[in-house]
Amino acid sequence: MKINVSGHHVEVTASVKEHIEEKFAKIATHFPTIISIDAIITKAHGKHYVELTTNYEGTAVSVSANEEVMYPAIAAAGKKLDAALKHRKGQLKAKLHEKPFSTAPDIAYEKVQETNFS
């Protein structure tokens, strides 16, 4: 999985990239179909904002988090992304388990009426 990290008013160092890869390793194992995650780290008004965007099974999934310190903001965004991906996976699985719809109950009734049980 490729993680694209960019910063706005924040210098993205090797330790920040390493921390992000460490936090998202769990997501990569749980959702192997994810190809890339885009992470934008912004500092504004004394807070760090982290926005994560990815594409999962044809749908864009985006989350954001903000904290006073950058590392807890990254962790919070990672937890939110994991929860959003689990929610999306649940929606996809629910469609697989829909009950079949019977289209011809009247035909079955007519067949029973036509049969001779004597």
C-alpha atoms as a PDB file:
ATOM      1  CA  MET A   1       0.000   0.000   0.000  1.00  0.00           C
ATOM      2  CA  LYS A   2       1.334   3.404  -0.953  1.00  0.00           C
ATOM      3  CA  ILE A   3       0.925   6.332   1.440  1.00  0.00           C
ATOM      4  CA  ASN A   4       1.234   9.817  -0.039  1.00  0.00           C
ATOM      5  CA  VAL A   5       2.005  12.333   2.715  1.00  0.00           C
ATOM      6  CA  SER A   6       1.944  16.073   2.168  1.00  0.00           C
ATOM      7  CA  GLY A   7       2.149  18.950   4.611  1.00  0.00           C
ATOM      8  CA  HIS A   8       0.681  22.409   4.639  1.00  0.00           C
ATOM      9  CA  HIS A   9       2.616  24.686   7.000  1.00  0.00           C
ATOM     10  CA  VAL A  10       4.154  21.492   8.405  1.00  0.00           C
ATOM     11  CA  GLU A  11       7.470  19.907   7.506  1.00  0.00           C
ATOM     12  CA  VAL A  12       6.976  16.222   6.738  1.00  0.00           C
ATOM     13  CA  THR A  13      10.085  14.506   8.083  1.00  0.00           C
ATOM     14  CA  ALA A  14      11.160  10.894   7.859  1.00  0.00           C
ATOM     15  CA  SER A  15       9.978  10.252  11.420  1.00  0.00           C
ATOM     16  CA  VAL A  16       6.486  11.552  10.556  1.00  0.00           C
ATOM     17  CA  LYS A  17       6.322   9.289   7.481  1.00  0.00           C
ATOM     18  CA  GLU A  18       7.536   6.355   9.562  1.00  0.00           C
ATOM     19  CA  HIS A  19       4.896   7.033  12.227  1.00  0.00           C
ATOM     20  CA  ILE A  20       2.140   7.196   9.594  1.00  0.00           C
ATOM     21  CA  GLU A  21       3.263   3.937   7.974  1.00  0.00           C
ATOM     22  CA  GLU A  22       3.332   2.280  11.405  1.00  0.00           C
ATOM     23  CA  LYS A  23      -0.217   3.459  12.217  1.00  0.00           C
ATOM     24  CA  PHE A  24      -1.634   2.365   8.852  1.00  0.00           C
ATOM     25  CA  ALA A  25       0.037  -1.059   8.718  1.00  0.00           C
ATOM     26  CA  LYS A  26      -3.014  -2.569  10.438  1.00  0.00           C
ATOM     27  CA  ILE A  27      -5.332  -1.038   7.826  1.00  0.00           C
ATOM     28  CA  ALA A  28      -3.189  -2.490   5.037  1.00  0.00           C
ATOM     29  CA  THR A  29      -3.541  -6.004   6.454  1.00  0.00           C
ATOM     30  CA  HIS A  30      -7.306  -5.747   7.090  1.00  0.00           C
ATOM     31  CA  PHE A  31      -8.121  -4.189   3.714  1.00  0.00           C
ATOM     32  CA  PRO A  32      -5.640  -5.564   1.151  1.00  0.00           C
ATOM     33  CA  THR A  33      -7.544  -4.098  -1.832  1.00  0.00           C
ATOM     34  CA  ILE A  34      -6.586  -0.545  -0.844  1.00  0.00           C
ATOM     35  CA  ILE A  35      -3.869   0.633  -3.187  1.00  0.00           C
ATOM     36  CA  SER A  36      -3.054   4.058  -1.768  1.00  0.00           C
ATOM     37  CA  ILE A  37      -3.904   6.529   0.981  1.00  0.00           C
ATOM     38  CA  ASP A  38      -3.458  10.272   0.618  1.00  0.00           C
ATOM     39  CA  ALA A  39      -2.608  12.044   3.894  1.00  0.00           C
ATOM     40  CA  ILE A  40      -2.588  15.824   4.236  1.00  0.00           C
ATOM     41  CA  ILE A  41      -1.249  17.303   7.469  1.00  0.00           C
ATOM     42  CA  THR A  42      -2.086  20.964   8.091  1.00  0.00           C
ATOM     43  CA  LYS A  43      -1.274  23.296  10.946  1.00  0.00           C
ATOM     44  CA  ALA A  44      -3.651  26.215  11.442  1.00  0.00           C
ATOM     45  CA  HIS A  45      -4.645  28.259  14.491  1.00  0.00           C
ATOM     46  CA  GLY A  46      -2.479  26.190  16.829  1.00  0.00           C
ATOM     47  CA  LYS A  47      -4.024  22.840  15.842  1.00  0.00           C
ATOM     48  CA  HIS A  48      -2.888  20.030  13.606  1.00  0.00           C
ATOM     49  CA  TYR A  49      -5.426  18.765  11.084  1.00  0.00           C
ATOM     50  CA  VAL A  50      -4.991  15.391   9.396  1.00  0.00           C
ATOM     51  CA  GLU A  51      -7.115  14.481   6.397  1.00  0.00           C
ATOM     52  CA  LEU A  52      -7.019  10.967   4.925  1.00  0.00           C
ATOM     53  CA  THR A  53      -8.522   9.979   1.588  1.00  0.00           C
ATOM     54  CA  THR A  54      -8.613   6.599  -0.130  1.00  0.00           C
ATOM     55  CA  ASN A  55     -10.659   4.621  -2.593  1.00  0.00           C
ATOM     56  CA  TYR A  56     -12.210   1.365  -1.341  1.00  0.00           C
ATOM     57  CA  GLU A  57     -14.260  -0.906  -3.601  1.00  0.00           C
ATOM     58  CA  GLY A  58     -15.203   1.935  -5.958  1.00  0.00           C
ATOM     59  CA  THR A  59     -16.132   4.475  -3.289  1.00  0.00           C
ATOM     60  CA  ALA A  60     -14.066   7.376  -2.004  1.00  0.00           C
ATOM     61  CA  VAL A  61     -13.600   7.248   1.775  1.00  0.00           C
ATOM     62  CA  SER A  62     -12.383  10.395   3.503  1.00  0.00           C
ATOM     63  CA  VAL A  63     -11.870  11.191   7.190  1.00  0.00           C
ATOM     64  CA  SER A  64     -10.293  14.008   9.147  1.00  0.00           C
ATOM     65  CA  ALA A  65      -9.164  14.636  12.700  1.00  0.00           C
ATOM     66  CA  ASN A  66      -7.646  17.528  14.614  1.00  0.00           C
ATOM     67  CA  GLU A  67      -5.635  17.744  17.818  1.00  0.00           C
ATOM     68  CA  GLU A  68      -3.222  20.134  19.510  1.00  0.00           C
ATOM     69  CA  VAL A  69      -0.298  17.781  18.824  1.00  0.00           C
ATOM     70  CA  MET A  70       0.405  16.153  15.449  1.00  0.00           C
ATOM     71  CA  TYR A  71       0.946  12.510  16.487  1.00  0.00           C
ATOM     72  CA  PRO A  72      -2.374  12.111  18.356  1.00  0.00           C
ATOM     73  CA  ALA A  73      -4.101  13.698  15.334  1.00  0.00           C
ATOM     74  CA  ILE A  74      -2.546  11.058  13.081  1.00  0.00           C
ATOM     75  CA  ALA A  75      -3.657   8.290  15.443  1.00  0.00           C
ATOM     76  CA  ALA A  76      -7.213   9.658  15.660  1.00  0.00           C
ATOM     77  CA  ALA A  77      -7.463   9.915  11.873  1.00  0.00           C
ATOM     78  CA  GLY A  78      -6.197   6.336  11.551  1.00  0.00           C
ATOM     79  CA  LYS A  79      -8.871   5.077  13.935  1.00  0.00           C
ATOM     80  CA  LYS A  80     -11.565   6.988  12.049  1.00  0.00           C
ATOM     81  CA  LEU A  81     -10.367   5.599   8.706  1.00  0.00           C
ATOM     82  CA  ASP A  82     -10.419   2.060  10.076  1.00  0.00           C
ATOM     83  CA  ALA A  83     -13.981   2.556  11.353  1.00  0.00           C
ATOM     84  CA  ALA A  84     -15.127   4.088   8.049  1.00  0.00           C
ATOM     85  CA  LEU A  85     -13.630   1.214   6.048  1.00  0.00           C
ATOM     86  CA  LYS A  86     -15.272  -1.355   8.333  1.00  0.00           C
ATOM     87  CA  HIS A  87     -18.594   0.430   7.859  1.00  0.00           C
ATOM     88  CA  ARG A  88     -18.194   0.384   4.074  1.00  0.00           C
ATOM     89  CA  LYS A  89     -17.216  -3.292   4.134  1.00  0.00           C
ATOM     90  CA  GLY A  90     -20.329  -4.039   6.185  1.00  0.00           C
ATOM     91  CA  GLN A  91     -22.494  -2.264   3.625  1.00  0.00           C
ATOM     92  CA  LEU A  92     -20.983  -4.348   0.829  1.00  0.00           C
ATOM     93  CA  LYS A  93     -21.458  -7.598   2.760  1.00  0.00           C
ATOM     94  CA  ALA A  94     -25.074  -6.735   3.642  1.00  0.00           C
ATOM     95  CA  LYS A  95     -25.972  -6.571  -0.032  1.00  0.00           C
ATOM     96  CA  LEU A  96     -24.697 -10.126  -0.465  1.00  0.00           C
ATOM     97  CA  HIS A  97     -27.031 -11.439   2.238  1.00  0.00           C
ATOM     98  CA  GLU A  98     -30.321  -9.986   1.009  1.00  0.00           C
ATOM     99  CA  LYS A  99     -33.219 -12.411   1.023  1.00  0.00           C
ATOM    100  CA  PRO A 100     -34.366 -13.605  -2.387  1.00  0.00           C
ATOM    101  CA  PHE A 101     -37.568 -12.120  -3.682  1.00  0.00           C
ATOM    102  CA  SER A 102     -40.176 -14.583  -4.936  1.00  0.00           C
ATOM    103  CA  THR A 103     -41.611 -13.343  -8.193  1.00  0.00           C
ATOM    104  CA  ALA A 104     -44.343 -15.874  -8.879  1.00  0.00           C
ATOM    105  CA  PRO A 105     -46.433 -16.966  -5.876  1.00  0.00           C
ATOM    106  CA  ASP A 106     -49.593 -16.974  -8.023  1.00  0.00           C
ATOM    107  CA  ILE A 107     -48.113 -19.522 -10.426  1.00  0.00           C
ATOM    108  CA  ALA A 108     -47.375 -21.953  -7.596  1.00  0.00           C
ATOM    109  CA  TYR A 109     -50.953 -21.613  -6.360  1.00  0.00           C
ATOM    110  CA  GLU A 110     -52.297 -22.367  -9.853  1.00  0.00           C
ATOM    111  CA  LYS A 111     -50.076 -25.463 -10.147  1.00  0.00           C
ATOM    112  CA  VAL A 112     -51.424 -26.830  -6.856  1.00  0.00           C
ATOM    113  CA  GLN A 113     -55.016 -26.259  -8.015  1.00  0.00           C
ATOM    114  CA  GLU A 114     -54.377 -28.069 -11.319  1.00  0.00           C
ATOM    115  CA  THR A 115     -52.859 -31.198  -9.788  1.00  0.00           C
ATOM    116  CA  ASN A 116     -55.122 -34.122  -9.125  1.00  0.00           C
ATOM    117  CA  PHE A 117     -54.365 -35.750  -5.762  1.00  0.00           C
ATOM    118  CA  SER A 118     -56.761 -38.658  -6.115  1.00  0.00           C
END
